[in-house]
Amino acid sequence: MNFATTFSLSNNDAWKIVDYYRSQRSKKIVCQTFNTQQCLEALNNGKIDFALIEGNFKQDDYDKVIIRNEPFIAVGKRELGIEVNKEYDLRELINYPLIYREQGSGSLEITRKY
């Protein structure tokens, strides 16, 4: 079994799958870590059997199963003065520093969508 996962999902979710299949089968398991765009390219080129991704993609182009939905949140230092339990419109945060992922990242695409 050969699959890929995005960087965000590789920390927890991918290893659950690897551990499960290791305990159930003696089959070789290969897990690669890429950004969303690279995962989809590997899938399209037949280099992997499936991919675990977060982010936006052309859903009609793939069979898919939603494993879970997670909120997309921003975090910041307390010194910035952002109130913890307040919901902000993105326009209210535009003057704060933003660190984001690389081109091709699902997280970057979600951020751009907002």
N, C-alpha and C. Protein backbone atom coordinates (compact mmCIF):
# COMPACT_ATOMS: atom_id res chain seq x y z
N MET A 1 0.86 -1.17 0.00
CA MET A 1 0.00 0.00 0.00
C MET A 1 0.90 1.23 0.00
N ASN A 2 0.62 2.13 -0.89
CA ASN A 2 1.42 3.33 -1.02
C ASN A 2 0.47 4.53 -0.98
N PHE A 3 0.65 5.39 0.02
CA PHE A 3 -0.23 6.55 0.11
C PHE A 3 0.55 7.78 0.51
N ALA A 4 -0.11 8.92 0.40
CA ALA A 4 0.51 10.19 0.78
C ALA A 4 -0.43 10.93 1.71
N THR A 5 0.14 11.81 2.49
CA THR A 5 -0.62 12.63 3.39
C THR A 5 -0.03 14.03 3.41
N THR A 6 -0.87 15.00 3.70
CA THR A 6 -0.36 16.37 3.80
C THR A 6 0.41 16.52 5.11
N PHE A 7 1.20 17.55 5.19
CA PHE A 7 2.02 17.79 6.37
C PHE A 7 1.18 17.89 7.64
N SER A 8 0.06 18.61 7.53
CA SER A 8 -0.79 18.78 8.71
C SER A 8 -1.33 17.46 9.24
N LEU A 9 -1.71 16.57 8.34
CA LEU A 9 -2.29 15.30 8.76
C LEU A 9 -1.25 14.25 9.11
N SER A 10 -0.01 14.47 8.71
CA SER A 10 1.02 13.45 8.96
C SER A 10 1.36 13.31 10.43
N ASN A 11 1.12 14.34 11.21
CA ASN A 11 1.48 14.28 12.63
C ASN A 11 0.69 13.25 13.41
N ASN A 12 -0.58 13.05 13.09
CA ASN A 12 -1.42 12.13 13.87
C ASN A 12 -2.13 11.11 13.01
N ASP A 13 -2.88 11.56 12.04
CA ASP A 13 -3.79 10.68 11.33
C ASP A 13 -3.11 9.62 10.48
N ALA A 14 -2.05 9.97 9.79
CA ALA A 14 -1.39 9.00 8.92
C ALA A 14 -0.84 7.82 9.71
N TRP A 15 -0.29 8.07 10.87
CA TRP A 15 0.32 6.99 11.65
C TRP A 15 -0.73 6.05 12.22
N LYS A 16 -1.94 6.53 12.43
CA LYS A 16 -3.03 5.65 12.86
C LYS A 16 -3.32 4.62 11.77
N ILE A 17 -3.31 5.06 10.53
CA ILE A 17 -3.56 4.15 9.41
C ILE A 17 -2.40 3.16 9.27
N VAL A 18 -1.19 3.67 9.34
CA VAL A 18 -0.02 2.80 9.22
C VAL A 18 -0.03 1.75 10.33
N ASP A 19 -0.26 2.16 11.56
CA ASP A 19 -0.29 1.23 12.68
C ASP A 19 -1.39 0.19 12.52
N TYR A 20 -2.56 0.62 12.07
CA TYR A 20 -3.67 -0.30 11.89
C TYR A 20 -3.32 -1.36 10.84
N TYR A 21 -2.85 -0.94 9.67
CA TYR A 21 -2.55 -1.90 8.61
C TYR A 21 -1.35 -2.77 8.94
N ARG A 22 -0.41 -2.25 9.67
CA ARG A 22 0.72 -3.07 10.11
C ARG A 22 0.24 -4.22 11.00
N SER A 23 -0.74 -3.93 11.86
CA SER A 23 -1.23 -4.96 12.77
C SER A 23 -2.14 -5.96 12.05
N GLN A 24 -2.74 -5.58 10.92
CA GLN A 24 -3.69 -6.43 10.21
C GLN A 24 -3.08 -7.22 9.05
N ARG A 25 -2.03 -6.71 8.48
CA ARG A 25 -1.47 -7.32 7.27
C ARG A 25 0.05 -7.29 7.31
N SER A 26 0.63 -8.16 6.52
CA SER A 26 2.09 -8.15 6.41
C SER A 26 2.54 -7.39 5.17
N LYS A 27 1.60 -6.74 4.51
CA LYS A 27 1.86 -6.00 3.29
C LYS A 27 2.77 -4.79 3.56
N LYS A 28 3.61 -4.45 2.61
CA LYS A 28 4.48 -3.29 2.72
C LYS A 28 3.65 -2.01 2.67
N ILE A 29 3.94 -1.09 3.58
CA ILE A 29 3.22 0.19 3.64
C ILE A 29 4.22 1.32 3.44
N VAL A 30 3.91 2.19 2.50
CA VAL A 30 4.76 3.36 2.24
C VAL A 30 3.88 4.60 2.42
N CYS A 31 4.32 5.51 3.28
CA CYS A 31 3.60 6.77 3.50
C CYS A 31 4.54 7.92 3.20
N GLN A 32 4.13 8.77 2.26
CA GLN A 32 4.92 9.94 1.90
C GLN A 32 4.19 11.20 2.36
N THR A 33 4.92 12.25 2.60
CA THR A 33 4.33 13.50 3.06
C THR A 33 4.59 14.60 2.03
N PHE A 34 3.50 15.22 1.58
CA PHE A 34 3.56 16.29 0.59
C PHE A 34 2.54 17.36 0.95
N ASN A 35 2.53 18.46 0.20
CA ASN A 35 1.43 19.40 0.35
C ASN A 35 0.25 18.89 -0.47
N THR A 36 -0.89 19.54 -0.37
CA THR A 36 -2.12 19.07 -1.02
C THR A 36 -1.93 18.91 -2.52
N GLN A 37 -1.36 19.91 -3.16
CA GLN A 37 -1.17 19.87 -4.62
C GLN A 37 -0.30 18.68 -5.01
N GLN A 38 0.78 18.45 -4.28
CA GLN A 38 1.68 17.34 -4.60
C GLN A 38 1.01 15.98 -4.35
N CYS A 39 0.17 15.88 -3.31
CA CYS A 39 -0.57 14.64 -3.06
C CYS A 39 -1.49 14.33 -4.24
N LEU A 40 -2.20 15.34 -4.72
CA LEU A 40 -3.11 15.13 -5.84
C LEU A 40 -2.36 14.78 -7.12
N GLU A 41 -1.21 15.40 -7.34
CA GLU A 41 -0.40 15.06 -8.51
C GLU A 41 0.09 13.62 -8.45
N ALA A 42 0.53 13.17 -7.28
CA ALA A 42 0.98 11.78 -7.11
C ALA A 42 -0.17 10.82 -7.35
N LEU A 43 -1.35 11.16 -6.89
CA LEU A 43 -2.54 10.34 -7.10
C LEU A 43 -2.89 10.29 -8.59
N ASN A 44 -2.88 11.43 -9.24
CA ASN A 44 -3.20 11.51 -10.67
C ASN A 44 -2.20 10.72 -11.52
N ASN A 45 -0.95 10.69 -11.09
CA ASN A 45 0.10 10.01 -11.85
C ASN A 45 0.23 8.53 -11.49
N GLY A 46 -0.63 8.05 -10.60
CA GLY A 46 -0.59 6.63 -10.22
C GLY A 46 0.56 6.24 -9.31
N LYS A 47 1.21 7.22 -8.70
CA LYS A 47 2.34 6.92 -7.82
C LYS A 47 1.90 6.49 -6.43
N ILE A 48 0.64 6.79 -6.06
CA ILE A 48 0.09 6.40 -4.76
C ILE A 48 -1.30 5.82 -4.97
N ASP A 49 -1.75 5.06 -3.97
CA ASP A 49 -3.07 4.44 -4.03
C ASP A 49 -4.17 5.39 -3.55
N PHE A 50 -3.85 6.21 -2.56
CA PHE A 50 -4.80 7.18 -2.03
C PHE A 50 -4.04 8.27 -1.30
N ALA A 51 -4.75 9.34 -0.94
CA ALA A 51 -4.12 10.46 -0.24
C ALA A 51 -5.04 10.94 0.88
N LEU A 52 -4.43 11.36 1.97
CA LEU A 52 -5.14 12.03 3.06
C LEU A 52 -4.80 13.50 2.94
N ILE A 53 -5.80 14.32 2.65
CA ILE A 53 -5.52 15.75 2.47
C ILE A 53 -6.54 16.59 3.21
N GLU A 54 -6.14 17.81 3.49
CA GLU A 54 -7.07 18.84 3.93
C GLU A 54 -6.92 19.97 2.94
N GLY A 55 -7.95 20.69 2.75
CA GLY A 55 -7.87 21.78 1.79
C GLY A 55 -8.86 21.60 0.68
N ASN A 56 -8.84 22.53 -0.26
CA ASN A 56 -9.78 22.55 -1.36
C ASN A 56 -9.20 21.83 -2.57
N PHE A 57 -10.06 21.11 -3.28
CA PHE A 57 -9.65 20.44 -4.51
C PHE A 57 -10.91 20.22 -5.34
N LYS A 58 -10.76 19.88 -6.60
CA LYS A 58 -11.91 19.63 -7.47
C LYS A 58 -12.54 18.31 -7.05
N GLN A 59 -13.57 18.39 -6.25
CA GLN A 59 -14.16 17.20 -5.64
C GLN A 59 -14.78 16.26 -6.67
N ASP A 60 -15.25 16.77 -7.80
CA ASP A 60 -15.84 15.90 -8.81
C ASP A 60 -14.80 15.02 -9.51
N ASP A 61 -13.52 15.35 -9.37
CA ASP A 61 -12.45 14.60 -10.03
C ASP A 61 -12.03 13.35 -9.25
N TYR A 62 -12.53 13.19 -8.01
CA TYR A 62 -12.04 12.12 -7.15
C TYR A 62 -13.17 11.44 -6.38
N ASP A 63 -12.98 10.17 -6.06
CA ASP A 63 -13.82 9.54 -5.05
C ASP A 63 -13.26 10.01 -3.72
N LYS A 64 -14.14 10.28 -2.77
CA LYS A 64 -13.65 10.84 -1.51
C LYS A 64 -14.50 10.36 -0.35
N VAL A 65 -13.89 10.35 0.81
CA VAL A 65 -14.56 10.05 2.07
C VAL A 65 -14.12 11.12 3.05
N ILE A 66 -15.06 11.81 3.66
CA ILE A 66 -14.72 12.80 4.68
C ILE A 66 -14.48 12.05 5.99
N ILE A 67 -13.28 12.16 6.51
CA ILE A 67 -12.94 11.48 7.76
C ILE A 67 -13.47 12.28 8.94
N ARG A 68 -13.28 13.59 8.90
CA ARG A 68 -13.84 14.47 9.92
C ARG A 68 -13.70 15.92 9.47
N ASN A 69 -14.51 16.77 10.05
CA ASN A 69 -14.43 18.21 9.80
C ASN A 69 -13.79 18.87 11.01
N GLU A 70 -12.90 19.76 10.75
CA GLU A 70 -12.20 20.49 11.81
C GLU A 70 -12.33 21.97 11.55
N PRO A 71 -12.44 22.77 12.61
CA PRO A 71 -12.46 24.22 12.40
C PRO A 71 -11.10 24.72 11.92
N PHE A 72 -11.14 25.74 11.11
CA PHE A 72 -9.90 26.38 10.64
C PHE A 72 -9.72 27.61 11.50
N ILE A 73 -8.70 27.63 12.33
CA ILE A 73 -8.54 28.71 13.29
C ILE A 73 -7.21 29.42 13.11
N ALA A 74 -7.18 30.64 13.59
CA ALA A 74 -5.94 31.42 13.62
C ALA A 74 -5.49 31.50 15.08
N VAL A 75 -4.21 31.55 15.28
CA VAL A 75 -3.67 31.70 16.63
C VAL A 75 -2.69 32.86 16.62
N GLY A 76 -2.56 33.50 17.78
CA GLY A 76 -1.65 34.64 17.87
C GLY A 76 -1.17 34.82 19.29
N LYS A 77 -0.13 35.61 19.45
CA LYS A 77 0.42 35.90 20.76
C LYS A 77 -0.53 36.79 21.55
N ARG A 78 -0.58 36.59 22.84
CA ARG A 78 -1.43 37.42 23.71
C ARG A 78 -1.09 38.90 23.58
N GLU A 79 0.17 39.20 23.36
CA GLU A 79 0.62 40.59 23.28
C GLU A 79 -0.02 41.36 22.12
N LEU A 80 -0.62 40.66 21.18
CA LEU A 80 -1.27 41.34 20.06
C LEU A 80 -2.56 42.03 20.48
N GLY A 81 -3.12 41.63 21.62
CA GLY A 81 -4.33 42.26 22.13
C GLY A 81 -5.62 41.73 21.53
N ILE A 82 -5.58 40.57 20.93
CA ILE A 82 -6.78 39.97 20.36
C ILE A 82 -7.54 39.28 21.49
N GLU A 83 -8.84 39.55 21.57
CA GLU A 83 -9.66 38.95 22.62
C GLU A 83 -9.89 37.47 22.32
N VAL A 84 -9.72 36.64 23.34
CA VAL A 84 -9.74 35.19 23.18
C VAL A 84 -11.09 34.65 22.73
N ASN A 85 -12.17 35.06 23.31
CA ASN A 85 -13.47 34.47 23.02
C ASN A 85 -14.32 35.27 22.05
N LYS A 86 -13.71 36.19 21.34
CA LYS A 86 -14.45 37.01 20.38
C LYS A 86 -14.24 36.46 18.97
N GLU A 87 -15.29 36.43 18.17
CA GLU A 87 -15.16 36.08 16.76
C GLU A 87 -14.84 37.34 15.98
N TYR A 88 -13.87 37.25 15.09
CA TYR A 88 -13.45 38.39 14.31
C TYR A 88 -13.76 38.17 12.84
N ASP A 89 -14.10 39.23 12.17
CA ASP A 89 -14.19 39.23 10.72
C ASP A 89 -12.75 39.34 10.23
N LEU A 90 -12.43 38.68 9.14
CA LEU A 90 -11.06 38.69 8.63
C LEU A 90 -10.55 40.12 8.39
N ARG A 91 -11.43 41.02 8.00
CA ARG A 91 -11.01 42.41 7.75
C ARG A 91 -10.48 43.08 9.02
N GLU A 92 -10.96 42.63 10.19
CA GLU A 92 -10.49 43.20 11.46
C GLU A 92 -9.07 42.74 11.79
N LEU A 93 -8.61 41.68 11.16
CA LEU A 93 -7.29 41.10 11.47
C LEU A 93 -6.24 41.39 10.41
N ILE A 94 -6.61 42.12 9.39
CA ILE A 94 -5.74 42.31 8.24
C ILE A 94 -4.42 43.01 8.58
N ASN A 95 -4.38 43.79 9.64
CA ASN A 95 -3.14 44.49 9.99
C ASN A 95 -2.23 43.71 10.94
N TYR A 96 -2.63 42.52 11.29
CA TYR A 96 -1.80 41.67 12.16
C TYR A 96 -0.87 40.81 11.30
N PRO A 97 0.26 40.39 11.87
CA PRO A 97 1.18 39.53 11.11
C PRO A 97 0.50 38.21 10.75
N LEU A 98 0.84 37.68 9.58
CA LEU A 98 0.29 36.40 9.13
C LEU A 98 1.42 35.51 8.63
N ILE A 99 1.50 34.33 9.19
CA ILE A 99 2.45 33.32 8.72
C ILE A 99 1.62 32.23 8.07
N TYR A 100 1.95 31.86 6.87
CA TYR A 100 1.14 30.88 6.16
C TYR A 100 2.04 29.87 5.46
N ARG A 101 1.39 28.84 4.92
CA ARG A 101 2.09 27.72 4.32
C ARG A 101 2.55 28.04 2.90
N GLU A 102 3.28 27.09 2.30
CA GLU A 102 3.85 27.25 0.97
C GLU A 102 2.80 27.09 -0.13
N GLN A 103 3.16 27.53 -1.34
CA GLN A 103 2.31 27.35 -2.52
C GLN A 103 1.99 25.87 -2.66
N GLY A 104 0.72 25.55 -2.90
CA GLY A 104 0.30 24.16 -3.05
C GLY A 104 -0.26 23.56 -1.77
N SER A 105 -0.14 24.29 -0.67
CA SER A 105 -0.66 23.81 0.61
C SER A 105 -2.17 24.01 0.68
N GLY A 106 -2.86 23.02 1.22
CA GLY A 106 -4.30 23.13 1.42
C GLY A 106 -4.64 24.24 2.39
N SER A 107 -3.82 24.40 3.43
CA SER A 107 -4.05 25.47 4.40
C SER A 107 -3.94 26.85 3.76
N LEU A 108 -2.99 27.01 2.87
CA LEU A 108 -2.84 28.29 2.17
C LEU A 108 -4.07 28.56 1.31
N GLU A 109 -4.58 27.55 0.63
CA GLU A 109 -5.76 27.74 -0.21
C GLU A 109 -6.98 28.10 0.63
N ILE A 110 -7.12 27.47 1.79
CA ILE A 110 -8.23 27.82 2.69
C ILE A 110 -8.10 29.28 3.13
N THR A 111 -6.89 29.69 3.48
CA THR A 111 -6.64 31.07 3.89
C THR A 111 -6.98 32.04 2.76
N ARG A 112 -6.55 31.72 1.56
CA ARG A 112 -6.86 32.58 0.40
C ARG A 112 -8.35 32.67 0.14
N LYS A 113 -9.05 31.56 0.33
CA LYS A 113 -10.50 31.56 0.13
C LYS A 113 -11.17 32.55 1.07
N TYR A 114 -10.73 32.55 2.34
CA TYR A 114 -11.30 33.49 3.30
C TYR A 114 -10.93 34.91 2.93
